[in-house]
Amino acid sequence: MLRYYLITDDAGVDFGTLSYAPETAAWHLEINPKRSWDDTPLSLALYIQQGAYNLNERQSLAWVRDRLVPPNRQNINQILASLGIPEYDEFALLQHTQGRSPHDSMHLEEL
């Protein structure tokens, strides 16, 4: 199982871990329990407000998908070709982009 460590660009804050099991294509996100909603980017703060630090597979996949170019985006095949990805693959896209999103400063570092 591959694991990633979520951090911010500027301060190296530990927000939690994201794991992916290629054999089942399953994602699992664990938010650092030391984080509070008011010092965490919105995409994770909403879960913290609900007391959810250990996201289920569906929630984890939703978080991953929110960080990626959607599969139905116009010109998606050209985007994938420019990245060297033959077909839409969430894991390949996440690895290539390091999970960066324009909505926050978090990114993924492989452990």
Protein backbone atom coordinates (compact mmCIF):
# COMPACT_ATOMS: atom_id res chain seq x y z
CA MET A 1 0.00 0.00 0.00
CA LEU A 2 1.38 3.35 -0.99
CA ARG A 3 1.10 6.14 1.56
CA TYR A 4 1.33 9.88 1.19
CA TYR A 5 1.87 12.60 3.74
CA LEU A 6 -0.16 15.75 3.44
CA ILE A 7 1.65 19.01 4.14
CA THR A 8 1.33 22.68 3.28
CA ASP A 9 3.75 24.42 0.98
CA ASP A 10 4.68 27.14 3.41
CA ALA A 11 4.92 25.67 6.90
CA GLY A 12 5.19 21.88 6.57
CA VAL A 13 2.06 21.37 8.71
CA ASP A 14 1.01 17.72 9.10
CA PHE A 15 -2.63 17.43 8.02
CA GLY A 16 -2.75 13.62 7.82
CA THR A 17 -2.08 10.68 5.52
CA LEU A 18 -3.64 9.41 2.33
CA SER A 19 -3.15 5.80 1.30
CA TYR A 20 -3.97 4.01 -1.92
CA ALA A 21 -4.25 0.27 -2.54
CA PRO A 22 -3.64 -0.35 -6.26
CA GLU A 23 -4.99 -3.89 -6.14
CA THR A 24 -8.45 -2.63 -5.11
CA ALA A 25 -8.17 1.02 -6.23
CA ALA A 26 -9.17 1.99 -2.69
CA TRP A 27 -8.27 5.32 -1.05
CA HIS A 28 -8.12 6.00 2.68
CA LEU A 29 -7.58 9.40 4.26
CA GLU A 30 -6.75 9.90 7.94
CA ILE A 31 -6.78 13.49 9.16
CA ASN A 32 -4.27 14.32 11.87
CA PRO A 33 -6.32 14.34 15.11
CA LYS A 34 -4.25 17.27 16.40
CA ARG A 35 -5.75 19.52 13.70
CA SER A 36 -8.70 21.76 14.47
CA TRP A 37 -11.19 22.98 11.88
CA ASP A 38 -10.13 26.62 12.21
CA ASP A 39 -6.49 25.99 11.26
CA THR A 40 -7.14 23.50 8.45
CA PRO A 41 -8.01 24.10 4.78
CA LEU A 42 -11.73 23.89 4.04
CA SER A 43 -11.57 20.59 2.14
CA LEU A 44 -10.56 18.85 5.40
CA ALA A 45 -12.06 21.29 7.92
CA LEU A 46 -15.59 20.26 6.97
CA TYR A 47 -14.83 16.68 8.04
CA ILE A 48 -13.18 17.84 11.26
CA GLN A 49 -16.28 19.88 12.15
CA GLN A 50 -18.26 16.63 11.90
CA GLY A 51 -15.72 14.80 14.09
CA ALA A 52 -14.61 12.65 11.14
CA TYR A 53 -10.84 12.18 11.23
CA ASN A 54 -10.80 8.71 9.67
CA LEU A 55 -12.57 9.04 6.33
CA ASN A 56 -14.24 6.06 4.72
CA GLU A 57 -13.40 4.97 1.17
CA ARG A 58 -16.20 7.03 -0.41
CA GLN A 59 -15.21 10.22 1.46
CA SER A 60 -11.54 9.67 0.67
CA LEU A 61 -12.26 9.19 -3.02
CA ALA A 62 -14.41 12.36 -3.03
CA TRP A 63 -11.50 14.31 -1.50
CA VAL A 64 -9.10 12.91 -4.13
CA ARG A 65 -11.47 13.71 -6.99
CA ASP A 66 -11.89 17.28 -5.75
CA ARG A 67 -8.15 17.75 -6.26
CA LEU A 68 -8.08 16.46 -9.86
CA VAL A 69 -9.11 17.57 -13.31
CA PRO A 70 -12.55 15.99 -13.85
CA PRO A 71 -12.80 13.15 -16.39
CA ASN A 72 -15.48 14.98 -18.37
CA ARG A 73 -13.48 18.18 -18.79
CA GLN A 74 -13.27 19.55 -22.30
CA ASN A 75 -10.02 18.49 -24.00
CA ILE A 76 -9.25 15.95 -21.24
CA ASN A 77 -7.47 13.66 -23.74
CA GLN A 78 -5.11 16.47 -24.71
CA ILE A 79 -4.44 17.24 -21.05
CA LEU A 80 -3.69 13.58 -20.33
CA ALA A 81 -1.43 13.32 -23.40
CA SER A 82 0.53 16.39 -22.31
CA LEU A 83 1.11 14.69 -18.94
CA GLY A 84 2.09 11.40 -20.55
CA ILE A 85 -0.93 9.58 -19.09
CA PRO A 86 -2.58 7.28 -21.67
CA GLU A 87 -6.05 7.25 -20.07
CA TYR A 88 -7.86 8.88 -17.17
CA ASP A 89 -6.38 7.41 -14.00
CA GLU A 90 -6.94 9.14 -10.67
CA PHE A 91 -3.81 7.69 -9.11
CA ALA A 92 -1.57 8.67 -12.05
CA LEU A 93 -3.01 12.20 -12.07
CA LEU A 94 -2.59 12.58 -8.31
CA GLN A 95 1.03 11.42 -8.52
CA HIS A 96 1.78 13.79 -11.39
CA THR A 97 0.22 16.83 -9.71
CA GLN A 98 1.29 15.88 -6.16
CA GLY A 99 -2.35 16.46 -5.23
CA ARG A 100 -2.00 20.22 -5.63
CA SER A 101 -5.18 22.22 -5.93
CA PRO A 102 -5.77 25.93 -6.57
CA HIS A 103 -8.06 25.97 -3.52
CA ASP A 104 -5.40 25.50 -0.82
CA SER A 105 -1.67 25.08 -0.26
CA MET A 106 -1.71 21.36 0.56
CA HIS A 107 0.23 18.86 -1.49
CA LEU A 108 1.28 15.22 -1.14
CA GLU A 109 4.72 13.82 -0.41
CA GLU A 110 5.34 10.13 -0.83
CA LEU A 111 6.49 8.41 2.33
